[in-house]
Amino acid sequence: MRKINSKYADLLFKVFLTLIMSILMSIIITFVNVGLHQDFLIKWAIAFLAGFAVSLPATLIAVPVARKIVKKITSGQQRD
């Protein structure tokens, strides 16, 4: 298997985190709103795509901001 250059690791982390969170949240929220209706998968897919489209740019902006805030209110050392 060919590996992706490590310079993309931070971006890939953000994309996968957003993907996983969007899947989980859209499934739960769709289930709460419509239950296991016959159109559940279609409604979930629409909710997921809308959520992912909003959450990816939000994650790309929010993570660096959150890191700066955490660095300011802590000793500045972070573990990965």
PDB file of N, CA and C in Angstrom:
ATOM      1  N   MET A   1       0.840  -1.185   0.000  1.00  0.00           N
ATOM      2  CA  MET A   1       0.000   0.000   0.000  1.00  0.00           C
ATOM      3  C   MET A   1       0.883   1.245   0.000  1.00  0.00           C
ATOM      4  N   ARG A   2       0.569   2.153  -0.867  1.00  0.00           N
ATOM      5  CA  ARG A   2       1.322   3.393  -0.947  1.00  0.00           C
ATOM      6  C   ARG A   2       0.897   4.339   0.165  1.00  0.00           C
ATOM      7  N   LYS A   3       1.851   4.942   0.821  1.00  0.00           N
ATOM      8  CA  LYS A   3       1.574   5.855   1.931  1.00  0.00           C
ATOM      9  C   LYS A   3       1.470   7.293   1.418  1.00  0.00           C
ATOM     10  N   ILE A   4       0.681   8.080   2.126  1.00  0.00           N
ATOM     11  CA  ILE A   4       0.535   9.502   1.826  1.00  0.00           C
ATOM     12  C   ILE A   4       1.611  10.254   2.593  1.00  0.00           C
ATOM     13  N   ASN A   5       2.156  11.274   1.991  1.00  0.00           N
ATOM     14  CA  ASN A   5       3.197  12.081   2.611  1.00  0.00           C
ATOM     15  C   ASN A   5       2.723  12.599   3.965  1.00  0.00           C
ATOM     16  N   SER A   6       3.599  12.545   4.967  1.00  0.00           N
ATOM     17  CA  SER A   6       3.237  12.927   6.328  1.00  0.00           C
ATOM     18  C   SER A   6       2.912  14.414   6.476  1.00  0.00           C
ATOM     19  N   LYS A   7       3.275  15.218   5.498  1.00  0.00           N
ATOM     20  CA  LYS A   7       2.937  16.645   5.594  1.00  0.00           C
ATOM     21  C   LYS A   7       1.424  16.866   5.513  1.00  0.00           C
ATOM     22  N   TYR A   8       0.685  15.856   5.047  1.00  0.00           N
ATOM     23  CA  TYR A   8      -0.775  15.949   4.970  1.00  0.00           C
ATOM     24  C   TYR A   8      -1.458  15.336   6.190  1.00  0.00           C
ATOM     25  N   ALA A   9      -0.692  14.893   7.179  1.00  0.00           N
ATOM     26  CA  ALA A   9      -1.259  14.183   8.335  1.00  0.00           C
ATOM     27  C   ALA A   9      -2.279  15.031   9.091  1.00  0.00           C
ATOM     28  N   ASP A  10      -1.982  16.288   9.338  1.00  0.00           N
ATOM     29  CA  ASP A  10      -2.904  17.149  10.087  1.00  0.00           C
ATOM     30  C   ASP A  10      -4.211  17.339   9.317  1.00  0.00           C
ATOM     31  N   LEU A  11      -4.120  17.589   8.032  1.00  0.00           N
ATOM     32  CA  LEU A  11      -5.319  17.752   7.213  1.00  0.00           C
ATOM     33  C   LEU A  11      -6.139  16.467   7.178  1.00  0.00           C
ATOM     34  N   LEU A  12      -5.479  15.335   6.985  1.00  0.00           N
ATOM     35  CA  LEU A  12      -6.186  14.056   6.962  1.00  0.00           C
ATOM     36  C   LEU A  12      -6.844  13.751   8.301  1.00  0.00           C
ATOM     37  N   PHE A  13      -6.169  14.080   9.398  1.00  0.00           N
ATOM     38  CA  PHE A  13      -6.761  13.903  10.715  1.00  0.00           C
ATOM     39  C   PHE A  13      -8.061  14.688  10.818  1.00  0.00           C
ATOM     40  N   LYS A  14      -8.046  15.939  10.392  1.00  0.00           N
ATOM     41  CA  LYS A  14      -9.237  16.786  10.461  1.00  0.00           C
ATOM     42  C   LYS A  14     -10.356  16.250   9.573  1.00  0.00           C
ATOM     43  N   VAL A  15     -10.014  15.783   8.393  1.00  0.00           N
ATOM     44  CA  VAL A  15     -11.025  15.246   7.473  1.00  0.00           C
ATOM     45  C   VAL A  15     -11.664  13.989   8.055  1.00  0.00           C
ATOM     46  N   PHE A  16     -10.844  13.063   8.563  1.00  0.00           N
ATOM     47  CA  PHE A  16     -11.393  11.829   9.127  1.00  0.00           C
ATOM     48  C   PHE A  16     -12.183  12.082  10.405  1.00  0.00           C
ATOM     49  N   LEU A  17     -11.709  12.989  11.241  1.00  0.00           N
ATOM     50  CA  LEU A  17     -12.456  13.341  12.451  1.00  0.00           C
ATOM     51  C   LEU A  17     -13.825  13.908  12.076  1.00  0.00           C
ATOM     52  N   THR A  18     -13.839  14.819  11.114  1.00  0.00           N
ATOM     53  CA  THR A  18     -15.093  15.409  10.653  1.00  0.00           C
ATOM     54  C   THR A  18     -16.003  14.355  10.037  1.00  0.00           C
ATOM     55  N   LEU A  19     -15.455  13.469   9.255  1.00  0.00           N
ATOM     56  CA  LEU A  19     -16.233  12.409   8.618  1.00  0.00           C
ATOM     57  C   LEU A  19     -16.901  11.514   9.667  1.00  0.00           C
ATOM     58  N   ILE A  20     -16.125  11.065  10.634  1.00  0.00           N
ATOM     59  CA  ILE A  20     -16.659  10.183  11.667  1.00  0.00           C
ATOM     60  C   ILE A  20     -17.724  10.895  12.494  1.00  0.00           C
ATOM     61  N   MET A  21     -17.440  12.110  12.918  1.00  0.00           N
ATOM     62  CA  MET A  21     -18.413  12.860  13.718  1.00  0.00           C
ATOM     63  C   MET A  21     -19.678  13.163  12.927  1.00  0.00           C
ATOM     64  N   SER A  22     -19.546  13.503  11.659  1.00  0.00           N
ATOM     65  CA  SER A  22     -20.717  13.803  10.828  1.00  0.00           C
ATOM     66  C   SER A  22     -21.588  12.573  10.635  1.00  0.00           C
ATOM     67  N   ILE A  23     -20.960  11.431  10.427  1.00  0.00           N
ATOM     68  CA  ILE A  23     -21.725  10.181  10.283  1.00  0.00           C
ATOM     69  C   ILE A  23     -22.497   9.890  11.563  1.00  0.00           C
ATOM     70  N   LEU A  24     -21.802   9.912  12.699  1.00  0.00           N
ATOM     71  CA  LEU A  24     -22.456   9.595  13.968  1.00  0.00           C
ATOM     72  C   LEU A  24     -23.568  10.575  14.309  1.00  0.00           C
ATOM     73  N   MET A  25     -23.288  11.857  14.204  1.00  0.00           N
ATOM     74  CA  MET A  25     -24.296  12.858  14.569  1.00  0.00           C
ATOM     75  C   MET A  25     -25.494  12.837  13.621  1.00  0.00           C
ATOM     76  N   SER A  26     -25.253  12.680  12.341  1.00  0.00           N
ATOM     77  CA  SER A  26     -26.383  12.680  11.399  1.00  0.00           C
ATOM     78  C   SER A  26     -27.248  11.440  11.558  1.00  0.00           C
ATOM     79  N   ILE A  27     -26.643  10.289  11.878  1.00  0.00           N
ATOM     80  CA  ILE A  27     -27.440   9.083  12.130  1.00  0.00           C
ATOM     81  C   ILE A  27     -28.323   9.281  13.356  1.00  0.00           C
ATOM     82  N   ILE A  28     -27.744   9.765  14.430  1.00  0.00           N
ATOM     83  CA  ILE A  28     -28.504   9.948  15.668  1.00  0.00           C
ATOM     84  C   ILE A  28     -29.613  10.974  15.490  1.00  0.00           C
ATOM     85  N   ILE A  29     -29.287  12.115  14.922  1.00  0.00           N
ATOM     86  CA  ILE A  29     -30.282  13.173  14.763  1.00  0.00           C
ATOM     87  C   ILE A  29     -31.379  12.765  13.792  1.00  0.00           C
ATOM     88  N   THR A  30     -31.025  12.088  12.711  1.00  0.00           N
ATOM     89  CA  THR A  30     -32.043  11.604  11.770  1.00  0.00           C
ATOM     90  C   THR A  30     -32.948  10.584  12.449  1.00  0.00           C
ATOM     91  N   PHE A  31     -32.373   9.676  13.231  1.00  0.00           N
ATOM     92  CA  PHE A  31     -33.174   8.682  13.949  1.00  0.00           C
ATOM     93  C   PHE A  31     -34.122   9.351  14.940  1.00  0.00           C
ATOM     94  N   VAL A  32     -33.622  10.333  15.682  1.00  0.00           N
ATOM     95  CA  VAL A  32     -34.466  11.043  16.650  1.00  0.00           C
ATOM     96  C   VAL A  32     -35.616  11.757  15.938  1.00  0.00           C
ATOM     97  N   ASN A  33     -35.337  12.346  14.789  1.00  0.00           N
ATOM     98  CA  ASN A  33     -36.357  13.126  14.082  1.00  0.00           C
ATOM     99  C   ASN A  33     -37.369  12.288  13.313  1.00  0.00           C
ATOM    100  N   VAL A  34     -36.939  11.196  12.687  1.00  0.00           N
ATOM    101  CA  VAL A  34     -37.871  10.435  11.836  1.00  0.00           C
ATOM    102  C   VAL A  34     -38.034   8.983  12.247  1.00  0.00           C
ATOM    103  N   GLY A  35     -37.183   8.479  13.145  1.00  0.00           N
ATOM    104  CA  GLY A  35     -37.254   7.068  13.523  1.00  0.00           C
ATOM    105  C   GLY A  35     -36.781   6.188  12.369  1.00  0.00           C
ATOM    106  N   LEU A  36     -37.046   4.895  12.490  1.00  0.00           N
ATOM    107  CA  LEU A  36     -36.642   3.965  11.422  1.00  0.00           C
ATOM    108  C   LEU A  36     -37.716   3.907  10.337  1.00  0.00           C
ATOM    109  N   HIS A  37     -37.906   5.023   9.719  1.00  0.00           N
ATOM    110  CA  HIS A  37     -38.872   5.175   8.631  1.00  0.00           C
ATOM    111  C   HIS A  37     -38.305   4.540   7.379  1.00  0.00           C
ATOM    112  N   GLN A  38     -39.144   4.214   6.418  1.00  0.00           N
ATOM    113  CA  GLN A  38     -38.652   3.574   5.188  1.00  0.00           C
ATOM    114  C   GLN A  38     -37.717   4.478   4.395  1.00  0.00           C
ATOM    115  N   ASP A  39     -37.798   5.777   4.576  1.00  0.00           N
ATOM    116  CA  ASP A  39     -36.907   6.723   3.893  1.00  0.00           C
ATOM    117  C   ASP A  39     -35.702   7.104   4.749  1.00  0.00           C
ATOM    118  N   PHE A  40     -35.440   6.334   5.804  1.00  0.00           N
ATOM    119  CA  PHE A  40     -34.378   6.691   6.746  1.00  0.00           C
ATOM    120  C   PHE A  40     -33.038   6.884   6.058  1.00  0.00           C
ATOM    121  N   LEU A  41     -32.625   5.953   5.215  1.00  0.00           N
ATOM    122  CA  LEU A  41     -31.302   6.057   4.582  1.00  0.00           C
ATOM    123  C   LEU A  41     -31.179   7.282   3.676  1.00  0.00           C
ATOM    124  N   ILE A  42     -32.247   7.603   2.971  1.00  0.00           N
ATOM    125  CA  ILE A  42     -32.218   8.784   2.101  1.00  0.00           C
ATOM    126  C   ILE A  42     -32.132  10.047   2.948  1.00  0.00           C
ATOM    127  N   LYS A  43     -32.971  10.103   3.983  1.00  0.00           N
ATOM    128  CA  LYS A  43     -32.956  11.278   4.858  1.00  0.00           C
ATOM    129  C   LYS A  43     -31.615  11.398   5.583  1.00  0.00           C
ATOM    130  N   TRP A  44     -31.056  10.257   6.009  1.00  0.00           N
ATOM    131  CA  TRP A  44     -29.748  10.292   6.670  1.00  0.00           C
ATOM    132  C   TRP A  44     -28.668  10.780   5.700  1.00  0.00           C
ATOM    133  N   ALA A  45     -28.676  10.278   4.474  1.00  0.00           N
ATOM    134  CA  ALA A  45     -27.654  10.669   3.495  1.00  0.00           C
ATOM    135  C   ALA A  45     -27.706  12.172   3.221  1.00  0.00           C
ATOM    136  N   ILE A  46     -28.890  12.715   3.106  1.00  0.00           N
ATOM    137  CA  ILE A  46     -29.039  14.157   2.883  1.00  0.00           C
ATOM    138  C   ILE A  46     -28.509  14.929   4.091  1.00  0.00           C
ATOM    139  N   ALA A  47     -28.877  14.476   5.293  1.00  0.00           N
ATOM    140  CA  ALA A  47     -28.413  15.136   6.517  1.00  0.00           C
ATOM    141  C   ALA A  47     -26.893  15.030   6.642  1.00  0.00           C
ATOM    142  N   PHE A  48     -26.349  13.865   6.322  1.00  0.00           N
ATOM    143  CA  PHE A  48     -24.898  13.674   6.406  1.00  0.00           C
ATOM    144  C   PHE A  48     -24.166  14.607   5.449  1.00  0.00           C
ATOM    145  N   LEU A  49     -24.594  14.649   4.198  1.00  0.00           N
ATOM    146  CA  LEU A  49     -23.912  15.497   3.210  1.00  0.00           C
ATOM    147  C   LEU A  49     -23.974  16.970   3.596  1.00  0.00           C
ATOM    148  N   ALA A  50     -25.134  17.416   4.073  1.00  0.00           N
ATOM    149  CA  ALA A  50     -25.260  18.807   4.508  1.00  0.00           C
ATOM    150  C   ALA A  50     -24.370  19.066   5.720  1.00  0.00           C
ATOM    151  N   GLY A  51     -24.400  18.150   6.674  1.00  0.00           N
ATOM    152  CA  GLY A  51     -23.591  18.313   7.878  1.00  0.00           C
ATOM    153  C   GLY A  51     -22.105  18.297   7.584  1.00  0.00           C
ATOM    154  N   PHE A  52     -21.673  17.387   6.723  1.00  0.00           N
ATOM    155  CA  PHE A  52     -20.251  17.292   6.381  1.00  0.00           C
ATOM    156  C   PHE A  52     -19.794  18.547   5.643  1.00  0.00           C
ATOM    157  N   ALA A  53     -20.644  19.058   4.752  1.00  0.00           N
ATOM    158  CA  ALA A  53     -20.295  20.257   3.985  1.00  0.00           C
ATOM    159  C   ALA A  53     -20.092  21.470   4.899  1.00  0.00           C
ATOM    160  N   VAL A  54     -20.812  21.512   6.008  1.00  0.00           N
ATOM    161  CA  VAL A  54     -20.670  22.613   6.952  1.00  0.00           C
ATOM    162  C   VAL A  54     -19.549  22.327   7.959  1.00  0.00           C
ATOM    163  N   SER A  55     -19.470  21.090   8.424  1.00  0.00           N
ATOM    164  CA  SER A  55     -18.539  20.789   9.510  1.00  0.00           C
ATOM    165  C   SER A  55     -17.074  20.713   9.075  1.00  0.00           C
ATOM    166  N   LEU A  56     -16.797  20.348   7.841  1.00  0.00           N
ATOM    167  CA  LEU A  56     -15.389  20.291   7.416  1.00  0.00           C
ATOM    168  C   LEU A  56     -14.736  21.676   7.427  1.00  0.00           C
ATOM    169  N   PRO A  57     -15.342  22.676   6.773  1.00  0.00           N
ATOM    170  CA  PRO A  57     -14.726  24.010   6.876  1.00  0.00           C
ATOM    171  C   PRO A  57     -14.694  24.523   8.323  1.00  0.00           C
ATOM    172  N   ALA A  58     -15.735  24.206   9.095  1.00  0.00           N
ATOM    173  CA  ALA A  58     -15.754  24.637  10.497  1.00  0.00           C
ATOM    174  C   ALA A  58     -14.597  23.999  11.269  1.00  0.00           C
ATOM    175  N   THR A  59     -14.338  22.723  11.024  1.00  0.00           N
ATOM    176  CA  THR A  59     -13.226  22.040  11.685  1.00  0.00           C
ATOM    177  C   THR A  59     -11.889  22.636  11.264  1.00  0.00           C
ATOM    178  N   LEU A  60     -11.740  22.912   9.998  1.00  0.00           N
ATOM    179  CA  LEU A  60     -10.476  23.479   9.503  1.00  0.00           C
ATOM    180  C   LEU A  60     -10.183  24.841  10.133  1.00  0.00           C
ATOM    181  N   ILE A  61     -11.240  25.570  10.479  1.00  0.00           N
ATOM    182  CA  ILE A  61     -11.074  26.874  11.132  1.00  0.00           C
ATOM    183  C   ILE A  61     -10.981  26.716  12.650  1.00  0.00           C
ATOM    184  N   ALA A  62     -11.824  25.869  13.220  1.00  0.00           N
ATOM    185  CA  ALA A  62     -11.943  25.769  14.678  1.00  0.00           C
ATOM    186  C   ALA A  62     -10.744  25.099  15.350  1.00  0.00           C
ATOM    187  N   VAL A  63     -10.170  24.087  14.734  1.00  0.00           N
ATOM    188  CA  VAL A  63      -9.072  23.366  15.381  1.00  0.00           C
ATOM    189  C   VAL A  63      -7.869  24.277  15.653  1.00  0.00           C
ATOM    190  N   PRO A  64      -7.388  25.034  14.688  1.00  0.00           N
ATOM    191  CA  PRO A  64      -6.259  25.924  15.000  1.00  0.00           C
ATOM    192  C   PRO A  64      -6.610  26.976  16.063  1.00  0.00           C
ATOM    193  N   VAL A  65      -7.829  27.497  16.013  1.00  0.00           N
ATOM    194  CA  VAL A  65      -8.259  28.479  17.008  1.00  0.00           C
ATOM    195  C   VAL A  65      -8.295  27.835  18.387  1.00  0.00           C
ATOM    196  N   ALA A  66      -8.866  26.638  18.480  1.00  0.00           N
ATOM    197  CA  ALA A  66      -8.936  25.927  19.758  1.00  0.00           C
ATOM    198  C   ALA A  66      -7.539  25.630  20.291  1.00  0.00           C
ATOM    199  N   ARG A  67      -6.610  25.251  19.418  1.00  0.00           N
ATOM    200  CA  ARG A  67      -5.230  24.982  19.850  1.00  0.00           C
ATOM    201  C   ARG A  67      -4.584  26.229  20.445  1.00  0.00           C
ATOM    202  N   LYS A  68      -4.811  27.378  19.808  1.00  0.00           N
ATOM    203  CA  LYS A  68      -4.244  28.631  20.316  1.00  0.00           C
ATOM    204  C   LYS A  68      -4.827  28.976  21.682  1.00  0.00           C
ATOM    205  N   ILE A  69      -6.132  28.802  21.837  1.00  0.00           N
ATOM    206  CA  ILE A  69      -6.781  29.091  23.120  1.00  0.00           C
ATOM    207  C   ILE A  69      -6.236  28.176  24.207  1.00  0.00           C
ATOM    208  N   VAL A  70      -6.144  26.880  23.900  1.00  0.00           N
ATOM    209  CA  VAL A  70      -5.631  25.923  24.879  1.00  0.00           C
ATOM    210  C   VAL A  70      -4.186  26.253  25.243  1.00  0.00           C
ATOM    211  N   LYS A  71      -3.402  26.624  24.264  1.00  0.00           N
ATOM    212  CA  LYS A  71      -1.997  26.971  24.520  1.00  0.00           C
ATOM    213  C   LYS A  71      -1.897  28.184  25.447  1.00  0.00           C
ATOM    214  N   LYS A  72      -2.807  29.159  25.263  1.00  0.00           N
ATOM    215  CA  LYS A  72      -2.779  30.360  26.096  1.00  0.00           C
ATOM    216  C   LYS A  72      -3.211  30.079  27.531  1.00  0.00           C
ATOM    217  N   ILE A  73      -4.136  29.139  27.726  1.00  0.00           N
ATOM    218  CA  ILE A  73      -4.644  28.909  29.083  1.00  0.00           C
ATOM    219  C   ILE A  73      -3.956  27.752  29.803  1.00  0.00           C
ATOM    220  N   THR A  74      -3.014  27.116  29.130  1.00  0.00           N
ATOM    221  CA  THR A  74      -2.230  26.060  29.762  1.00  0.00           C
ATOM    222  C   THR A  74      -0.764  26.441  29.721  1.00  0.00           C
ATOM    223  N   SER A  75       0.065  25.528  30.140  1.00  0.00           N
ATOM    224  CA  SER A  75       1.503  25.800  30.148  1.00  0.00           C
ATOM    225  C   SER A  75       2.105  25.874  28.749  1.00  0.00           C
ATOM    226  N   GLY A  76       1.317  25.595  27.738  1.00  0.00           N
ATOM    227  CA  GLY A  76       1.799  25.695  26.371  1.00  0.00           C
ATOM    228  C   GLY A  76       2.307  24.400  25.788  1.00  0.00           C
ATOM    229  N   GLN A  77       2.430  23.382  26.605  1.00  0.00           N
ATOM    230  CA  GLN A  77       2.901  22.090  26.115  1.00  0.00           C
ATOM    231  C   GLN A  77       1.701  21.184  25.854  1.00  0.00           C
ATOM    232  N   GLN A  78       1.655  20.638  24.654  1.00  0.00           N
ATOM    233  CA  GLN A  78       0.563  19.751  24.284  1.00  0.00           C
ATOM    234  C   GLN A  78       1.096  18.378  23.943  1.00  0.00           C
ATOM    235  N   ARG A  79       0.354  17.367  24.308  1.00  0.00           N
ATOM    236  CA  ARG A  79       0.686  15.986  23.924  1.00  0.00           C
ATOM    237  C   ARG A  79      -0.118  15.624  22.706  1.00  0.00           C
ATOM    238  N   ASP A  80       0.468  14.845  21.835  1.00  0.00           N
ATOM    239  CA  ASP A  80      -0.276  14.359  20.656  1.00  0.00           C
ATOM    240  C   ASP A  80      -0.621  12.913  20.808  1.00  0.00           C
TER     241      ASP A  80
END
